[in-house]
């Protein structure tokens, strides 16, 4: 158990951040899955910018690595182009 007031606060803030990061990461993964399941190119093209924005936000906050975000965006762009 933590012995200092600041350590207790750090534990609380880490937990809050962990929950928020988990929620945002999971919702982004679900959006990617939905985008990959789409068969209509028009619909996929309209959804693509929102998914890219979500990935960029995760990378900016170091929830995922910047290169992983780039790889995912590239793969999604290729998927949409192939539709």
PDB file of N, CA and C in Angstrom:
ATOM      1  N   UNK A   1       0.837  -1.187   0.000  1.00  0.00           N
ATOM      2  CA  UNK A   1       0.000   0.000   0.000  1.00  0.00           C
ATOM      3  C   UNK A   1       0.881   1.249   0.000  1.00  0.00           C
ATOM      4  N   UNK A   2       0.375   2.283  -0.620  1.00  0.00           N
ATOM      5  CA  UNK A   2       1.133   3.527  -0.719  1.00  0.00           C
ATOM      6  C   UNK A   2       1.255   4.209   0.645  1.00  0.00           C
ATOM      7  N   UNK A   3       2.367   4.843   0.849  1.00  0.00           N
ATOM      8  CA  UNK A   3       2.629   5.499   2.127  1.00  0.00           C
ATOM      9  C   UNK A   3       2.475   7.010   2.072  1.00  0.00           C
ATOM     10  N   UNK A   4       2.406   7.588   0.884  1.00  0.00           N
ATOM     11  CA  UNK A   4       2.355   9.040   0.745  1.00  0.00           C
ATOM     12  C   UNK A   4       1.045   9.467   0.110  1.00  0.00           C
ATOM     13  N   UNK A   5       0.645  10.677   0.450  1.00  0.00           N
ATOM     14  CA  UNK A   5      -0.586  11.237  -0.075  1.00  0.00           C
ATOM     15  C   UNK A   5      -0.513  11.336  -1.603  1.00  0.00           C
ATOM     16  N   UNK A   6       0.636  11.757  -2.106  1.00  0.00           N
ATOM     17  CA  UNK A   6       0.796  11.920  -3.555  1.00  0.00           C
ATOM     18  C   UNK A   6       0.739  10.569  -4.275  1.00  0.00           C
ATOM     19  N   UNK A   7       1.243   9.516  -3.619  1.00  0.00           N
ATOM     20  CA  UNK A   7       1.200   8.184  -4.216  1.00  0.00           C
ATOM     21  C   UNK A   7      -0.241   7.681  -4.296  1.00  0.00           C
ATOM     22  N   UNK A   8      -1.029   7.982  -3.274  1.00  0.00           N
ATOM     23  CA  UNK A   8      -2.447   7.611  -3.298  1.00  0.00           C
ATOM     24  C   UNK A   8      -3.176   8.333  -4.421  1.00  0.00           C
ATOM     25  N   UNK A   9      -2.855   9.602  -4.597  1.00  0.00           N
ATOM     26  CA  UNK A   9      -3.473  10.379  -5.669  1.00  0.00           C
ATOM     27  C   UNK A   9      -3.060   9.824  -7.027  1.00  0.00           C
ATOM     28  N   UNK A  10      -1.801   9.442  -7.156  1.00  0.00           N
ATOM     29  CA  UNK A  10      -1.292   8.875  -8.410  1.00  0.00           C
ATOM     30  C   UNK A  10      -2.039   7.578  -8.752  1.00  0.00           C
ATOM     31  N   UNK A  11      -2.299   6.759  -7.736  1.00  0.00           N
ATOM     32  CA  UNK A  11      -3.040   5.512  -7.947  1.00  0.00           C
ATOM     33  C   UNK A  11      -4.444   5.811  -8.477  1.00  0.00           C
ATOM     34  N   UNK A  12      -5.093   6.799  -7.866  1.00  0.00           N
ATOM     35  CA  UNK A  12      -6.450   7.163  -8.304  1.00  0.00           C
ATOM     36  C   UNK A  12      -6.442   7.701  -9.724  1.00  0.00           C
ATOM     37  N   UNK A  13      -5.510   8.586 -10.038  1.00  0.00           N
ATOM     38  CA  UNK A  13      -5.481   9.193 -11.369  1.00  0.00           C
ATOM     39  C   UNK A  13      -5.088   8.171 -12.433  1.00  0.00           C
ATOM     40  N   UNK A  14      -4.174   7.249 -12.091  1.00  0.00           N
ATOM     41  CA  UNK A  14      -3.798   6.196 -13.036  1.00  0.00           C
ATOM     42  C   UNK A  14      -4.985   5.311 -13.379  1.00  0.00           C
ATOM     43  N   UNK A  15      -5.780   4.994 -12.378  1.00  0.00           N
ATOM     44  CA  UNK A  15      -6.962   4.157 -12.608  1.00  0.00           C
ATOM     45  C   UNK A  15      -7.971   4.862 -13.514  1.00  0.00           C
ATOM     46  N   UNK A  16      -8.181   6.151 -13.278  1.00  0.00           N
ATOM     47  CA  UNK A  16      -9.115   6.920 -14.099  1.00  0.00           C
ATOM     48  C   UNK A  16      -8.630   6.985 -15.548  1.00  0.00           C
ATOM     49  N   UNK A  17      -7.329   7.222 -15.713  1.00  0.00           N
ATOM     50  CA  UNK A  17      -6.767   7.286 -17.060  1.00  0.00           C
ATOM     51  C   UNK A  17      -6.826   5.937 -17.751  1.00  0.00           C
ATOM     52  N   UNK A  18      -6.578   4.858 -16.986  1.00  0.00           N
ATOM     53  CA  UNK A  18      -6.609   3.511 -17.555  1.00  0.00           C
ATOM     54  C   UNK A  18      -7.998   3.180 -18.096  1.00  0.00           C
ATOM     55  N   UNK A  19      -9.023   3.532 -17.330  1.00  0.00           N
ATOM     56  CA  UNK A  19     -10.396   3.256 -17.747  1.00  0.00           C
ATOM     57  C   UNK A  19     -10.735   4.036 -19.016  1.00  0.00           C
ATOM     58  N   UNK A  20     -10.358   5.309 -19.064  1.00  0.00           N
ATOM     59  CA  UNK A  20     -10.648   6.138 -20.233  1.00  0.00           C
ATOM     60  C   UNK A  20      -9.889   5.632 -21.456  1.00  0.00           C
ATOM     61  N   UNK A  21      -8.609   5.297 -21.290  1.00  0.00           N
ATOM     62  CA  UNK A  21      -7.818   4.776 -22.403  1.00  0.00           C
ATOM     63  C   UNK A  21      -8.401   3.473 -22.925  1.00  0.00           C
ATOM     64  N   UNK A  22      -8.820   2.608 -22.012  1.00  0.00           N
ATOM     65  CA  UNK A  22      -9.405   1.320 -22.393  1.00  0.00           C
ATOM     66  C   UNK A  22     -10.682   1.536 -23.204  1.00  0.00           C
ATOM     67  N   UNK A  23     -11.531   2.456 -22.758  1.00  0.00           N
ATOM     68  CA  UNK A  23     -12.778   2.762 -23.459  1.00  0.00           C
ATOM     69  C   UNK A  23     -12.503   3.290 -24.866  1.00  0.00           C
ATOM     70  N   UNK A  24     -11.590   4.262 -24.974  1.00  0.00           N
ATOM     71  CA  UNK A  24     -11.296   4.856 -26.282  1.00  0.00           C
ATOM     72  C   UNK A  24     -10.653   3.847 -27.220  1.00  0.00           C
ATOM     73  N   UNK A  25      -9.750   3.006 -26.698  1.00  0.00           N
ATOM     74  CA  UNK A  25      -9.078   1.998 -27.516  1.00  0.00           C
ATOM     75  C   UNK A  25     -10.078   0.973 -28.017  1.00  0.00           C
ATOM     76  N   UNK A  26     -10.976   0.528 -27.149  1.00  0.00           N
ATOM     77  CA  UNK A  26     -11.968  -0.466 -27.528  1.00  0.00           C
ATOM     78  C   UNK A  26     -12.942   0.099 -28.557  1.00  0.00           C
ATOM     79  N   UNK A  27     -13.388   1.336 -28.377  1.00  0.00           N
ATOM     80  CA  UNK A  27     -14.325   1.932 -29.326  1.00  0.00           C
ATOM     81  C   UNK A  27     -13.656   2.140 -30.687  1.00  0.00           C
ATOM     82  N   UNK A  28     -12.370   2.447 -30.697  1.00  0.00           N
ATOM     83  CA  UNK A  28     -11.641   2.587 -31.959  1.00  0.00           C
ATOM     84  C   UNK A  28     -11.519   1.242 -32.660  1.00  0.00           C
ATOM     85  N   UNK A  29     -11.205   0.185 -31.901  1.00  0.00           N
ATOM     86  CA  UNK A  29     -11.108  -1.151 -32.487  1.00  0.00           C
ATOM     87  C   UNK A  29     -12.447  -1.586 -33.078  1.00  0.00           C
ATOM     88  N   UNK A  30     -13.545  -1.271 -32.384  1.00  0.00           N
ATOM     89  CA  UNK A  30     -14.869  -1.612 -32.901  1.00  0.00           C
ATOM     90  C   UNK A  30     -15.168  -0.843 -34.186  1.00  0.00           C
ATOM     91  N   UNK A  31     -14.773   0.428 -34.242  1.00  0.00           N
ATOM     92  CA  UNK A  31     -14.991   1.236 -35.444  1.00  0.00           C
ATOM     93  C   UNK A  31     -14.195   0.667 -36.619  1.00  0.00           C
ATOM     94  N   UNK A  32     -12.961   0.202 -36.360  1.00  0.00           N
ATOM     95  CA  UNK A  32     -12.137  -0.398 -37.406  1.00  0.00           C
ATOM     96  C   UNK A  32     -12.803  -1.668 -37.925  1.00  0.00           C
ATOM     97  N   UNK A  33     -13.322  -2.491 -37.014  1.00  0.00           N
ATOM     98  CA  UNK A  33     -13.999  -3.724 -37.420  1.00  0.00           C
ATOM     99  C   UNK A  33     -15.213  -3.414 -38.283  1.00  0.00           C
ATOM    100  N   UNK A  34     -16.010  -2.415 -37.887  1.00  0.00           N
ATOM    101  CA  UNK A  34     -17.190  -2.031 -38.661  1.00  0.00           C
ATOM    102  C   UNK A  34     -16.790  -1.547 -40.049  1.00  0.00           C
ATOM    103  N   UNK A  35     -15.712  -0.769 -40.115  1.00  0.00           N
ATOM    104  CA  UNK A  35     -15.247  -0.257 -41.399  1.00  0.00           C
ATOM    105  C   UNK A  35     -14.786  -1.390 -42.305  1.00  0.00           C
ATOM    106  N   UNK A  36     -14.095  -2.373 -41.753  1.00  0.00           N
ATOM    107  CA  UNK A  36     -13.633  -3.517 -42.546  1.00  0.00           C
ATOM    108  C   UNK A  36     -14.792  -4.381 -43.038  1.00  0.00           C
ATOM    109  N   UNK A  37     -15.889  -4.413 -42.293  1.00  0.00           N
ATOM    110  CA  UNK A  37     -17.038  -5.228 -42.677  1.00  0.00           C
ATOM    111  C   UNK A  37     -17.889  -4.577 -43.754  1.00  0.00           C
ATOM    112  N   UNK A  38     -17.738  -3.268 -43.963  1.00  0.00           N
ATOM    113  CA  UNK A  38     -18.543  -2.572 -44.966  1.00  0.00           C
ATOM    114  C   UNK A  38     -18.210  -3.060 -46.371  1.00  0.00           C
ATOM    115  N   UNK A  39     -19.260  -3.154 -47.190  1.00  0.00           N
ATOM    116  CA  UNK A  39     -19.057  -3.551 -48.588  1.00  0.00           C
ATOM    117  C   UNK A  39     -19.343  -2.392 -49.536  1.00  0.00           C
ATOM    118  N   UNK A  40     -20.016  -1.359 -49.038  1.00  0.00           N
ATOM    119  CA  UNK A  40     -20.326  -0.192 -49.860  1.00  0.00           C
ATOM    120  C   UNK A  40     -19.179   0.818 -49.781  1.00  0.00           C
ATOM    121  N   UNK A  41     -18.598   1.120 -50.928  1.00  0.00           N
ATOM    122  CA  UNK A  41     -17.430   2.012 -50.958  1.00  0.00           C
ATOM    123  C   UNK A  41     -17.781   3.418 -50.478  1.00  0.00           C
ATOM    124  N   UNK A  42     -18.930   3.930 -50.895  1.00  0.00           N
ATOM    125  CA  UNK A  42     -19.353   5.279 -50.514  1.00  0.00           C
ATOM    126  C   UNK A  42     -19.445   5.404 -48.988  1.00  0.00           C
ATOM    127  N   UNK A  43     -20.072   4.406 -48.386  1.00  0.00           N
ATOM    128  CA  UNK A  43     -20.250   4.403 -46.940  1.00  0.00           C
ATOM    129  C   UNK A  43     -18.899   4.309 -46.216  1.00  0.00           C
ATOM    130  N   UNK A  44     -18.011   3.475 -46.748  1.00  0.00           N
ATOM    131  CA  UNK A  44     -16.688   3.302 -46.153  1.00  0.00           C
ATOM    132  C   UNK A  44     -15.878   4.597 -46.235  1.00  0.00           C
ATOM    133  N   UNK A  45     -15.997   5.287 -47.356  1.00  0.00           N
ATOM    134  CA  UNK A  45     -15.259   6.549 -47.531  1.00  0.00           C
ATOM    135  C   UNK A  45     -15.753   7.624 -46.570  1.00  0.00           C
ATOM    136  N   UNK A  46     -17.038   7.612 -46.247  1.00  0.00           N
ATOM    137  CA  UNK A  46     -17.544   8.611 -45.302  1.00  0.00           C
ATOM    138  C   UNK A  46     -17.132   8.281 -43.864  1.00  0.00           C
ATOM    139  N   UNK A  47     -16.981   6.988 -43.560  1.00  0.00           N
ATOM    140  CA  UNK A  47     -16.605   6.574 -42.204  1.00  0.00           C
ATOM    141  C   UNK A  47     -15.093   6.675 -41.970  1.00  0.00           C
ATOM    142  N   UNK A  48     -14.317   6.593 -43.031  1.00  0.00           N
ATOM    143  CA  UNK A  48     -12.852   6.564 -42.936  1.00  0.00           C
ATOM    144  C   UNK A  48     -12.259   7.745 -42.162  1.00  0.00           C
ATOM    145  N   UNK A  49     -12.649   8.996 -42.441  1.00  0.00           N
ATOM    146  CA  UNK A  49     -12.045  10.125 -41.704  1.00  0.00           C
ATOM    147  C   UNK A  49     -12.266  10.066 -40.193  1.00  0.00           C
ATOM    148  N   UNK A  50     -13.426   9.572 -39.758  1.00  0.00           N
ATOM    149  CA  UNK A  50     -13.676   9.497 -38.319  1.00  0.00           C
ATOM    150  C   UNK A  50     -12.785   8.448 -37.666  1.00  0.00           C
ATOM    151  N   UNK A  51     -12.578   7.322 -38.356  1.00  0.00           N
ATOM    152  CA  UNK A  51     -11.722   6.273 -37.816  1.00  0.00           C
ATOM    153  C   UNK A  51     -10.271   6.760 -37.769  1.00  0.00           C
ATOM    154  N   UNK A  52      -9.841   7.454 -38.808  1.00  0.00           N
ATOM    155  CA  UNK A  52      -8.481   7.999 -38.847  1.00  0.00           C
ATOM    156  C   UNK A  52      -8.285   8.993 -37.704  1.00  0.00           C
ATOM    157  N   UNK A  53      -9.296   9.800 -37.455  1.00  0.00           N
ATOM    158  CA  UNK A  53      -9.224  10.765 -36.361  1.00  0.00           C
ATOM    159  C   UNK A  53      -9.085  10.066 -35.020  1.00  0.00           C
ATOM    160  N   UNK A  54      -9.840   8.991 -34.828  1.00  0.00           N
ATOM    161  CA  UNK A  54      -9.757   8.226 -33.584  1.00  0.00           C
ATOM    162  C   UNK A  54      -8.361   7.644 -33.401  1.00  0.00           C
ATOM    163  N   UNK A  55      -7.801   7.089 -34.484  1.00  0.00           N
ATOM    164  CA  UNK A  55      -6.458   6.510 -34.414  1.00  0.00           C
ATOM    165  C   UNK A  55      -5.414   7.574 -34.101  1.00  0.00           C
ATOM    166  N   UNK A  56      -5.540   8.734 -34.737  1.00  0.00           N
ATOM    167  CA  UNK A  56      -4.594   9.819 -34.489  1.00  0.00           C
ATOM    168  C   UNK A  56      -4.632  10.281 -33.033  1.00  0.00           C
ATOM    169  N   UNK A  57      -5.831  10.345 -32.466  1.00  0.00           N
ATOM    170  CA  UNK A  57      -5.963  10.760 -31.066  1.00  0.00           C
ATOM    171  C   UNK A  57      -5.307   9.749 -30.129  1.00  0.00           C
ATOM    172  N   UNK A  58      -5.497   8.444 -30.422  1.00  0.00           N
ATOM    173  CA  UNK A  58      -4.878   7.414 -29.591  1.00  0.00           C
ATOM    174  C   UNK A  58      -3.358   7.488 -29.681  1.00  0.00           C
ATOM    175  N   UNK A  59      -2.851   7.724 -30.887  1.00  0.00           N
ATOM    176  CA  UNK A  59      -1.401   7.804 -31.073  1.00  0.00           C
ATOM    177  C   UNK A  59      -0.839   9.048 -30.383  1.00  0.00           C
ATOM    178  N   UNK A  60      -1.575  10.148 -30.451  1.00  0.00           N
ATOM    179  CA  UNK A  60      -1.116  11.388 -29.830  1.00  0.00           C
ATOM    180  C   UNK A  60      -1.006  11.243 -28.315  1.00  0.00           C
ATOM    181  N   UNK A  61      -1.922  10.480 -27.730  1.00  0.00           N
ATOM    182  CA  UNK A  61      -1.914  10.288 -26.284  1.00  0.00           C
ATOM    183  C   UNK A  61      -1.123   9.052 -25.864  1.00  0.00           C
ATOM    184  N   UNK A  62      -0.389   8.452 -26.787  1.00  0.00           N
ATOM    185  CA  UNK A  62       0.455   7.278 -26.532  1.00  0.00           C
ATOM    186  C   UNK A  62      -0.321   6.075 -26.009  1.00  0.00           C
ATOM    187  N   UNK A  63      -1.585   5.964 -26.382  1.00  0.00           N
ATOM    188  CA  UNK A  63      -2.339   4.753 -26.057  1.00  0.00           C
ATOM    189  C   UNK A  63      -1.883   3.645 -26.996  1.00  0.00           C
ATOM    190  N   UNK A  64      -1.662   4.012 -28.267  1.00  0.00           N
ATOM    191  CA  UNK A  64      -1.044   3.101 -29.232  1.00  0.00           C
ATOM    192  C   UNK A  64       0.160   3.809 -29.838  1.00  0.00           C
ATOM    193  N   UNK A  65       1.069   3.039 -30.399  1.00  0.00           N
ATOM    194  CA  UNK A  65       2.271   3.612 -31.007  1.00  0.00           C
ATOM    195  C   UNK A  65       1.903   4.332 -32.297  1.00  0.00           C
ATOM    196  N   UNK A  66       2.621   5.376 -32.630  1.00  0.00           N
ATOM    197  CA  UNK A  66       2.346   6.168 -33.830  1.00  0.00           C
ATOM    198  C   UNK A  66       2.465   5.316 -35.096  1.00  0.00           C
ATOM    199  N   UNK A  67       3.453   4.411 -35.115  1.00  0.00           N
ATOM    200  CA  UNK A  67       3.626   3.559 -36.295  1.00  0.00           C
ATOM    201  C   UNK A  67       2.467   2.588 -36.450  1.00  0.00           C
ATOM    202  N   UNK A  68       1.928   2.094 -35.350  1.00  0.00           N
ATOM    203  CA  UNK A  68       0.784   1.194 -35.415  1.00  0.00           C
ATOM    204  C   UNK A  68      -0.417   1.927 -35.999  1.00  0.00           C
ATOM    205  N   UNK A  69      -0.616   3.169 -35.572  1.00  0.00           N
ATOM    206  CA  UNK A  69      -1.715   3.972 -36.111  1.00  0.00           C
ATOM    207  C   UNK A  69      -1.538   4.162 -37.612  1.00  0.00           C
ATOM    208  N   UNK A  70      -0.309   4.444 -38.039  1.00  0.00           N
ATOM    209  CA  UNK A  70      -0.037   4.632 -39.464  1.00  0.00           C
ATOM    210  C   UNK A  70      -0.298   3.357 -40.251  1.00  0.00           C
ATOM    211  N   UNK A  71       0.138   2.219 -39.695  1.00  0.00           N
ATOM    212  CA  UNK A  71      -0.084   0.945 -40.372  1.00  0.00           C
ATOM    213  C   UNK A  71      -1.571   0.625 -40.497  1.00  0.00           C
ATOM    214  N   UNK A  72      -2.328   0.892 -39.454  1.00  0.00           N
ATOM    215  CA  UNK A  72      -3.765   0.647 -39.498  1.00  0.00           C
ATOM    216  C   UNK A  72      -4.444   1.553 -40.519  1.00  0.00           C
ATOM    217  N   UNK A  73      -4.062   2.831 -40.536  1.00  0.00           N
ATOM    218  CA  UNK A  73      -4.653   3.771 -41.493  1.00  0.00           C
ATOM    219  C   UNK A  73      -4.341   3.347 -42.923  1.00  0.00           C
ATOM    220  N   UNK A  74      -3.100   2.930 -43.150  1.00  0.00           N
ATOM    221  CA  UNK A  74      -2.689   2.492 -44.478  1.00  0.00           C
ATOM    222  C   UNK A  74      -3.485   1.269 -44.915  1.00  0.00           C
ATOM    223  N   UNK A  75      -3.627   0.309 -44.024  1.00  0.00           N
ATOM    224  CA  UNK A  75      -4.376  -0.906 -44.341  1.00  0.00           C
ATOM    225  C   UNK A  75      -5.837  -0.618 -44.633  1.00  0.00           C
ATOM    226  N   UNK A  76      -6.424   0.302 -43.860  1.00  0.00           N
ATOM    227  CA  UNK A  76      -7.825   0.666 -44.096  1.00  0.00           C
ATOM    228  C   UNK A  76      -7.986   1.394 -45.431  1.00  0.00           C
ATOM    229  N   UNK A  77      -7.028   2.248 -45.762  1.00  0.00           N
ATOM    230  CA  UNK A  77      -7.080   2.963 -47.044  1.00  0.00           C
ATOM    231  C   UNK A  77      -6.993   1.978 -48.198  1.00  0.00           C
ATOM    232  N   UNK A  78      -6.119   0.981 -48.083  1.00  0.00           N
ATOM    233  CA  UNK A  78      -6.009  -0.053 -49.120  1.00  0.00           C
ATOM    234  C   UNK A  78      -7.298  -0.841 -49.238  1.00  0.00           C
ATOM    235  N   UNK A  79      -7.907  -1.145 -48.099  1.00  0.00           N
ATOM    236  CA  UNK A  79      -9.163  -1.896 -48.081  1.00  0.00           C
ATOM    237  C   UNK A  79     -10.258  -1.122 -48.809  1.00  0.00           C
ATOM    238  N   UNK A  80     -10.341   0.179 -48.533  1.00  0.00           N
ATOM    239  CA  UNK A  80     -11.378   1.010 -49.156  1.00  0.00           C
ATOM    240  C   UNK A  80     -11.113   1.139 -50.654  1.00  0.00           C
ATOM    241  N   UNK A  81      -9.856   1.281 -51.030  1.00  0.00           N
ATOM    242  CA  UNK A  81      -9.521   1.397 -52.454  1.00  0.00           C
ATOM    243  C   UNK A  81      -9.860   0.120 -53.216  1.00  0.00           C
ATOM    244  N   UNK A  82      -9.797  -1.015 -52.542  1.00  0.00           N
ATOM    245  CA  UNK A  82     -10.081  -2.304 -53.203  1.00  0.00           C
ATOM    246  C   UNK A  82     -11.576  -2.566 -53.346  1.00  0.00           C
ATOM    247  N   UNK A  83     -12.415  -1.787 -52.629  1.00  0.00           N
ATOM    248  CA  UNK A  83     -13.861  -2.021 -52.719  1.00  0.00           C
ATOM    249  C   UNK A  83     -14.415  -1.657 -54.081  1.00  0.00           C
TER     250      UNK A  83
END
